[in-house]
Amino acid sequence: MYVWSKRIVIGLLAAFAILLAWFLLQSPGAASSNLKIHTTRWITLNYTGLVIWVFVWMIDQARVRAKNVWIWLVPFLFAPLPVLMLFILYLQRKLPA
Protein backbone atom coordinates (compact mmCIF):
# COMPACT_ATOMS: atom_id res chain seq x y z
CA MET A 1 0.00 0.00 0.00
CA TYR A 2 1.21 3.45 -0.85
CA VAL A 3 0.05 5.36 2.24
CA TRP A 4 1.11 2.98 5.02
CA SER A 5 4.47 3.57 6.60
CA LYS A 6 6.16 2.07 9.61
CA ARG A 7 5.68 5.30 11.57
CA ILE A 8 1.92 5.35 10.95
CA VAL A 9 1.48 1.67 11.85
CA ILE A 10 3.66 1.93 14.97
CA GLY A 11 1.84 5.09 16.07
CA LEU A 12 -1.62 3.58 15.61
CA LEU A 13 -0.64 0.35 17.35
CA ALA A 14 0.94 2.28 20.22
CA ALA A 15 -2.19 4.41 20.63
CA PHE A 16 -4.32 1.26 20.63
CA ALA A 17 -2.06 -0.43 23.20
CA ILE A 18 -2.07 2.62 25.48
CA LEU A 19 -5.86 2.92 25.37
CA LEU A 20 -6.27 -0.81 25.87
CA ALA A 21 -3.96 -0.76 28.90
CA TRP A 22 -5.86 2.21 30.31
CA PHE A 23 -9.19 0.39 29.89
CA LEU A 24 -7.86 -2.83 31.43
CA LEU A 25 -6.29 -1.08 34.41
CA GLN A 26 -9.64 0.34 35.40
CA SER A 27 -10.96 -2.40 37.65
CA PRO A 28 -14.55 -3.24 36.74
CA GLY A 29 -15.48 -4.20 40.31
CA ALA A 30 -18.53 -6.29 41.11
CA ALA A 31 -21.23 -4.12 39.59
CA SER A 32 -22.58 -5.13 36.20
CA SER A 33 -22.75 -1.52 35.05
CA ASN A 34 -18.94 -1.31 35.17
CA LEU A 35 -18.72 -4.30 32.87
CA LYS A 36 -21.09 -2.60 30.46
CA ILE A 37 -18.97 0.56 30.52
CA HIS A 38 -15.81 -1.47 29.91
CA THR A 39 -17.44 -3.39 27.04
CA THR A 40 -18.73 -0.19 25.49
CA ARG A 41 -15.28 1.37 25.64
CA TRP A 42 -13.72 -1.75 24.13
CA ILE A 43 -16.20 -1.74 21.24
CA THR A 44 -15.68 1.99 20.71
CA LEU A 45 -11.90 1.57 20.65
CA ASN A 46 -12.10 -1.22 18.08
CA TYR A 47 -14.63 0.64 15.95
CA THR A 48 -12.47 3.77 15.93
CA GLY A 49 -9.43 1.75 14.90
CA LEU A 50 -11.38 0.12 12.10
CA VAL A 51 -12.68 3.47 10.83
CA ILE A 52 -9.14 4.90 10.78
CA TRP A 53 -7.83 1.82 8.98
CA VAL A 54 -10.59 1.93 6.35
CA PHE A 55 -10.08 5.65 5.70
CA VAL A 56 -6.32 5.15 5.28
CA TRP A 57 -7.17 2.40 2.78
CA MET A 58 -9.45 4.88 0.99
CA ILE A 59 -6.58 7.40 0.85
CA ASP A 60 -4.35 4.71 -0.62
CA GLN A 61 -6.87 3.72 -3.27
CA ALA A 62 -7.54 7.34 -4.20
CA ARG A 63 -3.83 8.06 -4.63
CA VAL A 64 -3.35 5.02 -6.82
CA ARG A 65 -6.21 6.22 -9.06
CA ALA A 66 -5.34 9.95 -8.83
CA LYS A 67 -8.67 10.88 -7.21
CA ASN A 68 -9.48 13.23 -4.34
CA VAL A 69 -10.48 11.38 -1.16
CA TRP A 70 -10.83 14.38 1.18
CA ILE A 71 -14.30 15.28 -0.13
CA TRP A 72 -15.40 11.91 1.26
CA LEU A 73 -14.13 12.57 4.81
CA VAL A 74 -17.15 14.32 6.37
CA PRO A 75 -19.76 11.86 5.03
CA PHE A 76 -17.46 8.99 6.05
CA LEU A 77 -17.40 10.20 9.66
CA PHE A 78 -21.21 10.10 9.85
CA ALA A 79 -21.89 6.87 7.93
CA PRO A 80 -18.70 4.88 7.23
CA LEU A 81 -20.13 1.77 5.60
CA PRO A 82 -22.47 3.41 3.06
CA VAL A 83 -19.82 5.99 2.14
CA LEU A 84 -17.24 3.23 1.72
CA MET A 85 -19.58 1.40 -0.64
CA LEU A 86 -20.26 4.57 -2.63
CA PHE A 87 -16.53 5.35 -2.76
CA ILE A 88 -15.77 1.90 -4.16
CA LEU A 89 -18.51 2.29 -6.76
CA TYR A 90 -17.12 5.74 -7.60
CA LEU A 91 -13.66 4.28 -8.16
CA GLN A 92 -15.01 1.43 -10.30
CA ARG A 93 -17.15 3.51 -12.64
CA LYS A 94 -16.28 3.49 -16.30
CA LEU A 95 -14.33 6.50 -17.45
CA PRO A 96 -15.38 8.25 -20.65
CA ALA A 97 -13.10 7.32 -23.52
PDB file of N, CA and C in Angstrom:
ATOM      1  N   MET A   1       0.835  -1.177   0.000  1.00  0.00           N
ATOM      2  CA  MET A   1       0.000   0.000   0.000  1.00  0.00           C
ATOM      3  C   MET A   1       0.883   1.244   0.000  1.00  0.00           C
ATOM      4  N   TYR A   2       0.423   2.235  -0.655  1.00  0.00           N
ATOM      5  CA  TYR A   2       1.205   3.451  -0.854  1.00  0.00           C
ATOM      6  C   TYR A   2       1.258   4.326   0.391  1.00  0.00           C
ATOM      7  N   VAL A   3       0.159   4.418   1.132  1.00  0.00           N
ATOM      8  CA  VAL A   3       0.054   5.361   2.242  1.00  0.00           C
ATOM      9  C   VAL A   3       0.704   4.828   3.517  1.00  0.00           C
ATOM     10  N   TRP A   4       0.613   3.538   3.768  1.00  0.00           N
ATOM     11  CA  TRP A   4       1.105   2.985   5.024  1.00  0.00           C
ATOM     12  C   TRP A   4       2.608   3.157   5.134  1.00  0.00           C
ATOM     13  N   SER A   5       3.046   3.523   6.292  1.00  0.00           N
ATOM     14  CA  SER A   5       4.466   3.565   6.596  1.00  0.00           C
ATOM     15  C   SER A   5       4.655   2.972   7.981  1.00  0.00           C
ATOM     16  N   LYS A   6       5.887   2.663   8.299  1.00  0.00           N
ATOM     17  CA  LYS A   6       6.157   2.074   9.610  1.00  0.00           C
ATOM     18  C   LYS A   6       5.776   3.030  10.728  1.00  0.00           C
ATOM     19  N   ARG A   7       6.006   4.321  10.533  1.00  0.00           N
ATOM     20  CA  ARG A   7       5.682   5.301  11.572  1.00  0.00           C
ATOM     21  C   ARG A   7       4.176   5.355  11.834  1.00  0.00           C
ATOM     22  N   ILE A   8       3.377   5.312  10.784  1.00  0.00           N
ATOM     23  CA  ILE A   8       1.918   5.347  10.954  1.00  0.00           C
ATOM     24  C   ILE A   8       1.445   4.096  11.688  1.00  0.00           C
ATOM     25  N   VAL A   9       1.913   2.933  11.245  1.00  0.00           N
ATOM     26  CA  VAL A   9       1.483   1.673  11.849  1.00  0.00           C
ATOM     27  C   VAL A   9       1.925   1.604  13.308  1.00  0.00           C
ATOM     28  N   ILE A  10       3.165   1.963  13.587  1.00  0.00           N
ATOM     29  CA  ILE A  10       3.657   1.929  14.973  1.00  0.00           C
ATOM     30  C   ILE A  10       2.880   2.918  15.837  1.00  0.00           C
ATOM     31  N   GLY A  11       2.608   4.099  15.317  1.00  0.00           N
ATOM     32  CA  GLY A  11       1.841   5.092  16.071  1.00  0.00           C
ATOM     33  C   GLY A  11       0.426   4.630  16.379  1.00  0.00           C
ATOM     34  N   LEU A  12      -0.259   4.071  15.382  1.00  0.00           N
ATOM     35  CA  LEU A  12      -1.623   3.578  15.607  1.00  0.00           C
ATOM     36  C   LEU A  12      -1.648   2.402  16.568  1.00  0.00           C
ATOM     37  N   LEU A  13      -0.684   1.481  16.429  1.00  0.00           N
ATOM     38  CA  LEU A  13      -0.639   0.354  17.351  1.00  0.00           C
ATOM     39  C   LEU A  13      -0.285   0.796  18.766  1.00  0.00           C
ATOM     40  N   ALA A  14       0.594   1.764  18.895  1.00  0.00           N
ATOM     41  CA  ALA A  14       0.944   2.278  20.219  1.00  0.00           C
ATOM     42  C   ALA A  14      -0.260   2.965  20.863  1.00  0.00           C
ATOM     43  N   ALA A  15      -0.992   3.756  20.094  1.00  0.00           N
ATOM     44  CA  ALA A  15      -2.188   4.411  20.634  1.00  0.00           C
ATOM     45  C   ALA A  15      -3.215   3.370  21.073  1.00  0.00           C
ATOM     46  N   PHE A  16      -3.391   2.330  20.273  1.00  0.00           N
ATOM     47  CA  PHE A  16      -4.320   1.264  20.634  1.00  0.00           C
ATOM     48  C   PHE A  16      -3.873   0.570  21.919  1.00  0.00           C
ATOM     49  N   ALA A  17      -2.579   0.257  22.016  1.00  0.00           N
ATOM     50  CA  ALA A  17      -2.062  -0.429  23.200  1.00  0.00           C
ATOM     51  C   ALA A  17      -2.204   0.433  24.454  1.00  0.00           C
ATOM     52  N   ILE A  18      -1.935   1.723  24.328  1.00  0.00           N
ATOM     53  CA  ILE A  18      -2.067   2.622  25.480  1.00  0.00           C
ATOM     54  C   ILE A  18      -3.522   2.699  25.939  1.00  0.00           C
ATOM     55  N   LEU A  19      -4.445   2.868  25.005  1.00  0.00           N
ATOM     56  CA  LEU A  19      -5.858   2.922  25.371  1.00  0.00           C
ATOM     57  C   LEU A  19      -6.351   1.593  25.937  1.00  0.00           C
ATOM     58  N   LEU A  20      -5.885   0.503  25.361  1.00  0.00           N
ATOM     59  CA  LEU A  20      -6.266  -0.807  25.870  1.00  0.00           C
ATOM     60  C   LEU A  20      -5.756  -1.003  27.297  1.00  0.00           C
ATOM     61  N   ALA A  21      -4.513  -0.638  27.551  1.00  0.00           N
ATOM     62  CA  ALA A  21      -3.956  -0.755  28.898  1.00  0.00           C
ATOM     63  C   ALA A  21      -4.734   0.118  29.875  1.00  0.00           C
ATOM     64  N   TRP A  22      -5.088   1.302  29.449  1.00  0.00           N
ATOM     65  CA  TRP A  22      -5.860   2.210  30.306  1.00  0.00           C
ATOM     66  C   TRP A  22      -7.215   1.603  30.645  1.00  0.00           C
ATOM     67  N   PHE A  23      -7.886   1.014  29.649  1.00  0.00           N
ATOM     68  CA  PHE A  23      -9.187   0.388  29.890  1.00  0.00           C
ATOM     69  C   PHE A  23      -9.051  -0.811  30.826  1.00  0.00           C
ATOM     70  N   LEU A  24      -8.012  -1.620  30.622  1.00  0.00           N
ATOM     71  CA  LEU A  24      -7.859  -2.826  31.429  1.00  0.00           C
ATOM     72  C   LEU A  24      -7.448  -2.519  32.858  1.00  0.00           C
ATOM     73  N   LEU A  25      -6.717  -1.433  33.064  1.00  0.00           N
ATOM     74  CA  LEU A  25      -6.285  -1.076  34.412  1.00  0.00           C
ATOM     75  C   LEU A  25      -7.422  -0.531  35.270  1.00  0.00           C
ATOM     76  N   GLN A  26      -8.473  -0.093  34.640  1.00  0.00           N
ATOM     77  CA  GLN A  26      -9.642   0.336  35.401  1.00  0.00           C
ATOM     78  C   GLN A  26     -10.370  -0.917  35.864  1.00  0.00           C
ATOM     79  N   SER A  27     -10.344  -1.166  37.150  1.00  0.00           N
ATOM     80  CA  SER A  27     -10.963  -2.398  37.645  1.00  0.00           C
ATOM     81  C   SER A  27     -12.480  -2.302  37.540  1.00  0.00           C
ATOM     82  N   PRO A  28     -13.103  -3.287  36.911  1.00  0.00           N
ATOM     83  CA  PRO A  28     -14.549  -3.243  36.737  1.00  0.00           C
ATOM     84  C   PRO A  28     -15.326  -3.409  38.035  1.00  0.00           C
ATOM     85  N   GLY A  29     -14.756  -4.026  39.063  1.00  0.00           N
ATOM     86  CA  GLY A  29     -15.484  -4.199  40.308  1.00  0.00           C
ATOM     87  C   GLY A  29     -16.555  -5.269  40.180  1.00  0.00           C
ATOM     88  N   ALA A  30     -17.500  -5.255  41.099  1.00  0.00           N
ATOM     89  CA  ALA A  30     -18.528  -6.292  41.113  1.00  0.00           C
ATOM     90  C   ALA A  30     -19.810  -5.868  40.409  1.00  0.00           C
ATOM     91  N   ALA A  31     -19.984  -4.599  40.185  1.00  0.00           N
ATOM     92  CA  ALA A  31     -21.233  -4.124  39.586  1.00  0.00           C
ATOM     93  C   ALA A  31     -21.269  -4.439  38.098  1.00  0.00           C
ATOM     94  N   SER A  32     -22.448  -4.798  37.616  1.00  0.00           N
ATOM     95  CA  SER A  32     -22.584  -5.133  36.200  1.00  0.00           C
ATOM     96  C   SER A  32     -22.489  -3.894  35.319  1.00  0.00           C
ATOM     97  N   SER A  33     -22.812  -2.731  35.861  1.00  0.00           N
ATOM     98  CA  SER A  33     -22.748  -1.520  35.053  1.00  0.00           C
ATOM     99  C   SER A  33     -21.310  -1.193  34.662  1.00  0.00           C
ATOM    100  N   ASN A  34     -20.339  -1.532  35.522  1.00  0.00           N
ATOM    101  CA  ASN A  34     -18.938  -1.310  35.168  1.00  0.00           C
ATOM    102  C   ASN A  34     -18.528  -2.190  33.997  1.00  0.00           C
ATOM    103  N   LEU A  35     -19.015  -3.414  33.978  1.00  0.00           N
ATOM    104  CA  LEU A  35     -18.715  -4.305  32.869  1.00  0.00           C
ATOM    105  C   LEU A  35     -19.298  -3.745  31.573  1.00  0.00           C
ATOM    106  N   LYS A  36     -20.488  -3.194  31.645  1.00  0.00           N
ATOM    107  CA  LYS A  36     -21.094  -2.600  30.456  1.00  0.00           C
ATOM    108  C   LYS A  36     -20.285  -1.405  29.973  1.00  0.00           C
ATOM    109  N   ILE A  37     -19.793  -0.596  30.896  1.00  0.00           N
ATOM    110  CA  ILE A  37     -18.973   0.555  30.516  1.00  0.00           C
ATOM    111  C   ILE A  37     -17.681   0.083  29.862  1.00  0.00           C
ATOM    112  N   HIS A  38     -17.051  -0.933  30.464  1.00  0.00           N
ATOM    113  CA  HIS A  38     -15.809  -1.472  29.906  1.00  0.00           C
ATOM    114  C   HIS A  38     -16.042  -2.049  28.505  1.00  0.00           C
ATOM    115  N   THR A  39     -17.131  -2.800  28.344  1.00  0.00           N
ATOM    116  CA  THR A  39     -17.444  -3.388  27.042  1.00  0.00           C
ATOM    117  C   THR A  39     -17.725  -2.307  26.005  1.00  0.00           C
ATOM    118  N   THR A  40     -18.438  -1.291  26.406  1.00  0.00           N
ATOM    119  CA  THR A  40     -18.733  -0.193  25.488  1.00  0.00           C
ATOM    120  C   THR A  40     -17.449   0.510  25.056  1.00  0.00           C
ATOM    121  N   ARG A  41     -16.558   0.745  25.993  1.00  0.00           N
ATOM    122  CA  ARG A  41     -15.279   1.374  25.644  1.00  0.00           C
ATOM    123  C   ARG A  41     -14.464   0.488  24.720  1.00  0.00           C
ATOM    124  N   TRP A  42     -14.463  -0.810  24.968  1.00  0.00           N
ATOM    125  CA  TRP A  42     -13.725  -1.747  24.128  1.00  0.00           C
ATOM    126  C   TRP A  42     -14.278  -1.733  22.696  1.00  0.00           C
ATOM    127  N   ILE A  43     -15.572  -1.772  22.568  1.00  0.00           N
ATOM    128  CA  ILE A  43     -16.204  -1.743  21.245  1.00  0.00           C
ATOM    129  C   ILE A  43     -15.901  -0.416  20.550  1.00  0.00           C
ATOM    130  N   THR A  44     -15.964   0.678  21.286  1.00  0.00           N
ATOM    131  CA  THR A  44     -15.679   1.992  20.710  1.00  0.00           C
ATOM    132  C   THR A  44     -14.239   2.078  20.237  1.00  0.00           C
ATOM    133  N   LEU A  45     -13.307   1.562  21.030  1.00  0.00           N
ATOM    134  CA  LEU A  45     -11.897   1.572  20.646  1.00  0.00           C
ATOM    135  C   LEU A  45     -11.675   0.778  19.363  1.00  0.00           C
ATOM    136  N   ASN A  46     -12.255  -0.408  19.278  1.00  0.00           N
ATOM    137  CA  ASN A  46     -12.095  -1.225  18.077  1.00  0.00           C
ATOM    138  C   ASN A  46     -12.763  -0.596  16.863  1.00  0.00           C
ATOM    139  N   TYR A  47     -13.937  -0.017  17.051  1.00  0.00           N
ATOM    140  CA  TYR A  47     -14.632   0.636  15.945  1.00  0.00           C
ATOM    141  C   TYR A  47     -13.829   1.829  15.426  1.00  0.00           C
ATOM    142  N   THR A  48     -13.281   2.619  16.338  1.00  0.00           N
ATOM    143  CA  THR A  48     -12.474   3.772  15.932  1.00  0.00           C
ATOM    144  C   THR A  48     -11.246   3.322  15.151  1.00  0.00           C
ATOM    145  N   GLY A  49     -10.582   2.278  15.629  1.00  0.00           N
ATOM    146  CA  GLY A  49      -9.429   1.747  14.904  1.00  0.00           C
ATOM    147  C   GLY A  49      -9.797   1.258  13.514  1.00  0.00           C
ATOM    148  N   LEU A  50     -10.934   0.599  13.407  1.00  0.00           N
ATOM    149  CA  LEU A  50     -11.384   0.116  12.101  1.00  0.00           C
ATOM    150  C   LEU A  50     -11.703   1.270  11.157  1.00  0.00           C
ATOM    151  N   VAL A  51     -12.349   2.308  11.662  1.00  0.00           N
ATOM    152  CA  VAL A  51     -12.685   3.468  10.830  1.00  0.00           C
ATOM    153  C   VAL A  51     -11.404   4.148  10.328  1.00  0.00           C
ATOM    154  N   ILE A  52     -10.408   4.295  11.202  1.00  0.00           N
ATOM    155  CA  ILE A  52      -9.136   4.899  10.775  1.00  0.00           C
ATOM    156  C   ILE A  52      -8.476   4.034   9.714  1.00  0.00           C
ATOM    157  N   TRP A  53      -8.461   2.726   9.933  1.00  0.00           N
ATOM    158  CA  TRP A  53      -7.828   1.821   8.983  1.00  0.00           C
ATOM    159  C   TRP A  53      -8.518   1.874   7.623  1.00  0.00           C
ATOM    160  N   VAL A  54      -9.848   1.885   7.611  1.00  0.00           N
ATOM    161  CA  VAL A  54     -10.589   1.935   6.348  1.00  0.00           C
ATOM    162  C   VAL A  54     -10.348   3.261   5.633  1.00  0.00           C
ATOM    163  N   PHE A  55     -10.304   4.374   6.377  1.00  0.00           N
ATOM    164  CA  PHE A  55     -10.075   5.654   5.704  1.00  0.00           C
ATOM    165  C   PHE A  55      -8.660   5.744   5.142  1.00  0.00           C
ATOM    166  N   VAL A  56      -7.680   5.182   5.837  1.00  0.00           N
ATOM    167  CA  VAL A  56      -6.319   5.151   5.279  1.00  0.00           C
ATOM    168  C   VAL A  56      -6.306   4.304   4.009  1.00  0.00           C
ATOM    169  N   TRP A  57      -7.056   3.209   3.992  1.00  0.00           N
ATOM    170  CA  TRP A  57      -7.168   2.405   2.777  1.00  0.00           C
ATOM    171  C   TRP A  57      -7.793   3.233   1.654  1.00  0.00           C
ATOM    172  N   MET A  58      -8.814   4.029   1.994  1.00  0.00           N
ATOM    173  CA  MET A  58      -9.448   4.882   0.986  1.00  0.00           C
ATOM    174  C   MET A  58      -8.440   5.898   0.438  1.00  0.00           C
ATOM    175  N   ILE A  59      -7.619   6.468   1.307  1.00  0.00           N
ATOM    176  CA  ILE A  59      -6.579   7.404   0.854  1.00  0.00           C
ATOM    177  C   ILE A  59      -5.643   6.697  -0.116  1.00  0.00           C
ATOM    178  N   ASP A  60      -5.245   5.483   0.237  1.00  0.00           N
ATOM    179  CA  ASP A  60      -4.347   4.715  -0.618  1.00  0.00           C
ATOM    180  C   ASP A  60      -4.968   4.446  -1.984  1.00  0.00           C
ATOM    181  N   GLN A  61      -6.213   4.018  -2.002  1.00  0.00           N
ATOM    182  CA  GLN A  61      -6.866   3.724  -3.274  1.00  0.00           C
ATOM    183  C   GLN A  61      -7.068   4.984  -4.113  1.00  0.00           C
ATOM    184  N   ALA A  62      -7.367   6.087  -3.463  1.00  0.00           N
ATOM    185  CA  ALA A  62      -7.544   7.344  -4.204  1.00  0.00           C
ATOM    186  C   ALA A  62      -6.220   7.811  -4.804  1.00  0.00           C
ATOM    187  N   ARG A  63      -5.130   7.650  -4.078  1.00  0.00           N
ATOM    188  CA  ARG A  63      -3.825   8.058  -4.625  1.00  0.00           C
ATOM    189  C   ARG A  63      -3.422   7.201  -5.809  1.00  0.00           C
ATOM    190  N   VAL A  64      -3.689   5.908  -5.721  1.00  0.00           N
ATOM    191  CA  VAL A  64      -3.353   5.017  -6.824  1.00  0.00           C
ATOM    192  C   VAL A  64      -4.117   5.420  -8.082  1.00  0.00           C
ATOM    193  N   ARG A  65      -5.352   5.870  -7.923  1.00  0.00           N
ATOM    194  CA  ARG A  65      -6.205   6.219  -9.064  1.00  0.00           C
ATOM    195  C   ARG A  65      -6.259   7.719  -9.344  1.00  0.00           C
ATOM    196  N   ALA A  66      -5.429   8.492  -8.651  1.00  0.00           N
ATOM    197  CA  ALA A  66      -5.339   9.954  -8.830  1.00  0.00           C
ATOM    198  C   ALA A  66      -6.700  10.637  -8.635  1.00  0.00           C
ATOM    199  N   LYS A  67      -7.378  10.276  -7.558  1.00  0.00           N
ATOM    200  CA  LYS A  67      -8.666  10.877  -7.205  1.00  0.00           C
ATOM    201  C   LYS A  67      -8.523  11.619  -5.885  1.00  0.00           C
ATOM    202  N   ASN A  68      -9.483  12.485  -5.585  1.00  0.00           N
ATOM    203  CA  ASN A  68      -9.476  13.235  -4.341  1.00  0.00           C
ATOM    204  C   ASN A  68     -10.337  12.517  -3.309  1.00  0.00           C
ATOM    205  N   VAL A  69      -9.739  12.112  -2.191  1.00  0.00           N
ATOM    206  CA  VAL A  69     -10.476  11.384  -1.158  1.00  0.00           C
ATOM    207  C   VAL A  69     -11.014  12.316  -0.070  1.00  0.00           C
ATOM    208  N   TRP A  70     -10.477  13.512   0.056  1.00  0.00           N
ATOM    209  CA  TRP A  70     -10.827  14.383   1.177  1.00  0.00           C
ATOM    210  C   TRP A  70     -12.263  14.883   1.118  1.00  0.00           C
ATOM    211  N   ILE A  71     -12.882  14.902  -0.055  1.00  0.00           N
ATOM    212  CA  ILE A  71     -14.295  15.284  -0.131  1.00  0.00           C
ATOM    213  C   ILE A  71     -15.195  14.208   0.490  1.00  0.00           C
ATOM    214  N   TRP A  72     -14.655  13.015   0.676  1.00  0.00           N
ATOM    215  CA  TRP A  72     -15.400  11.910   1.258  1.00  0.00           C
ATOM    216  C   TRP A  72     -15.278  11.854   2.780  1.00  0.00           C
ATOM    217  N   LEU A  73     -14.419  12.675   3.381  1.00  0.00           N
ATOM    218  CA  LEU A  73     -14.131  12.572   4.808  1.00  0.00           C
ATOM    219  C   LEU A  73     -15.348  12.849   5.693  1.00  0.00           C
ATOM    220  N   VAL A  74     -16.027  13.958   5.491  1.00  0.00           N
ATOM    221  CA  VAL A  74     -17.154  14.318   6.366  1.00  0.00           C
ATOM    222  C   VAL A  74     -18.292  13.297   6.268  1.00  0.00           C
ATOM    223  N   PRO A  75     -18.722  12.902   5.065  1.00  0.00           N
ATOM    224  CA  PRO A  75     -19.762  11.862   5.026  1.00  0.00           C
ATOM    225  C   PRO A  75     -19.291  10.547   5.648  1.00  0.00           C
ATOM    226  N   PHE A  76     -18.006  10.235   5.488  1.00  0.00           N
ATOM    227  CA  PHE A  76     -17.459   8.994   6.045  1.00  0.00           C
ATOM    228  C   PHE A  76     -17.534   8.990   7.569  1.00  0.00           C
ATOM    229  N   LEU A  77     -17.336  10.135   8.196  1.00  0.00           N
ATOM    230  CA  LEU A  77     -17.401  10.203   9.659  1.00  0.00           C
ATOM    231  C   LEU A  77     -18.811   9.943  10.186  1.00  0.00           C
ATOM    232  N   PHE A  78     -19.833  10.297   9.404  1.00  0.00           N
ATOM    233  CA  PHE A  78     -21.214  10.104   9.849  1.00  0.00           C
ATOM    234  C   PHE A  78     -21.772   8.729   9.493  1.00  0.00           C
ATOM    235  N   ALA A  79     -21.372   8.171   8.361  1.00  0.00           N
ATOM    236  CA  ALA A  79     -21.888   6.867   7.934  1.00  0.00           C
ATOM    237  C   ALA A  79     -20.785   6.124   7.174  1.00  0.00           C
ATOM    238  N   PRO A  80     -19.858   5.480   7.891  1.00  0.00           N
ATOM    239  CA  PRO A  80     -18.695   4.879   7.228  1.00  0.00           C
ATOM    240  C   PRO A  80     -19.029   3.803   6.203  1.00  0.00           C
ATOM    241  N   LEU A  81     -19.889   2.876   6.521  1.00  0.00           N
ATOM    242  CA  LEU A  81     -20.135   1.768   5.601  1.00  0.00           C
ATOM    243  C   LEU A  81     -20.803   2.206   4.298  1.00  0.00           C
ATOM    244  N   PRO A  82     -21.887   2.986   4.333  1.00  0.00           N
ATOM    245  CA  PRO A  82     -22.475   3.409   3.056  1.00  0.00           C
ATOM    246  C   PRO A  82     -21.528   4.274   2.221  1.00  0.00           C
ATOM    247  N   VAL A  83     -20.764   5.134   2.880  1.00  0.00           N
ATOM    248  CA  VAL A  83     -19.824   5.990   2.138  1.00  0.00           C
ATOM    249  C   VAL A  83     -18.705   5.145   1.538  1.00  0.00           C
ATOM    250  N   LEU A  84     -18.248   4.128   2.276  1.00  0.00           N
ATOM    251  CA  LEU A  84     -17.238   3.230   1.723  1.00  0.00           C
ATOM    252  C   LEU A  84     -17.759   2.526   0.481  1.00  0.00           C
ATOM    253  N   MET A  85     -19.001   2.064   0.535  1.00  0.00           N
ATOM    254  CA  MET A  85     -19.576   1.397  -0.639  1.00  0.00           C
ATOM    255  C   MET A  85     -19.703   2.361  -1.816  1.00  0.00           C
ATOM    256  N   LEU A  86     -20.152   3.577  -1.554  1.00  0.00           N
ATOM    257  CA  LEU A  86     -20.262   4.565  -2.631  1.00  0.00           C
ATOM    258  C   LEU A  86     -18.888   4.934  -3.185  1.00  0.00           C
ATOM    259  N   PHE A  87     -17.899   5.040  -2.325  1.00  0.00           N
ATOM    260  CA  PHE A  87     -16.533   5.352  -2.757  1.00  0.00           C
ATOM    261  C   PHE A  87     -15.993   4.257  -3.677  1.00  0.00           C
ATOM    262  N   ILE A  88     -16.228   3.004  -3.316  1.00  0.00           N
ATOM    263  CA  ILE A  88     -15.769   1.896  -4.155  1.00  0.00           C
ATOM    264  C   ILE A  88     -16.481   1.920  -5.503  1.00  0.00           C
ATOM    265  N   LEU A  89     -17.783   2.181  -5.486  1.00  0.00           N
ATOM    266  CA  LEU A  89     -18.507   2.287  -6.758  1.00  0.00           C
ATOM    267  C   LEU A  89     -17.992   3.459  -7.586  1.00  0.00           C
ATOM    268  N   TYR A  90     -17.674   4.560  -6.924  1.00  0.00           N
ATOM    269  CA  TYR A  90     -17.124   5.739  -7.604  1.00  0.00           C
ATOM    270  C   TYR A  90     -15.787   5.397  -8.281  1.00  0.00           C
ATOM    271  N   LEU A  91     -14.950   4.634  -7.588  1.00  0.00           N
ATOM    272  CA  LEU A  91     -13.662   4.275  -8.164  1.00  0.00           C
ATOM    273  C   LEU A  91     -13.793   3.261  -9.292  1.00  0.00           C
ATOM    274  N   GLN A  92     -14.848   2.471  -9.288  1.00  0.00           N
ATOM    275  CA  GLN A  92     -15.011   1.426 -10.299  1.00  0.00           C
ATOM    276  C   GLN A  92     -15.816   1.874 -11.512  1.00  0.00           C
ATOM    277  N   ARG A  93     -16.314   3.094 -11.507  1.00  0.00           N
ATOM    278  CA  ARG A  93     -17.149   3.515 -12.636  1.00  0.00           C
ATOM    279  C   ARG A  93     -16.300   3.604 -13.904  1.00  0.00           C
ATOM    280  N   LYS A  94     -16.963   3.425 -15.006  1.00  0.00           N
ATOM    281  CA  LYS A  94     -16.279   3.487 -16.297  1.00  0.00           C
ATOM    282  C   LYS A  94     -15.950   4.928 -16.635  1.00  0.00           C
ATOM    283  N   LEU A  95     -14.748   5.174 -17.053  1.00  0.00           N
ATOM    284  CA  LEU A  95     -14.328   6.504 -17.450  1.00  0.00           C
ATOM    285  C   LEU A  95     -14.677   6.747 -18.911  1.00  0.00           C
ATOM    286  N   PRO A  96     -15.075   7.974 -19.246  1.00  0.00           N
ATOM    287  CA  PRO A  96     -15.380   8.246 -20.650  1.00  0.00           C
ATOM    288  C   PRO A  96     -14.109   8.147 -21.485  1.00  0.00           C
ATOM    289  N   ALA A  97     -14.272   7.559 -22.641  1.00  0.00           N
ATOM    290  CA  ALA A  97     -13.102   7.319 -23.515  1.00  0.00           C
ATOM    291  C   ALA A  97     -12.663   8.532 -24.268  1.00  0.00           C
TER     292      ALA A  97
END
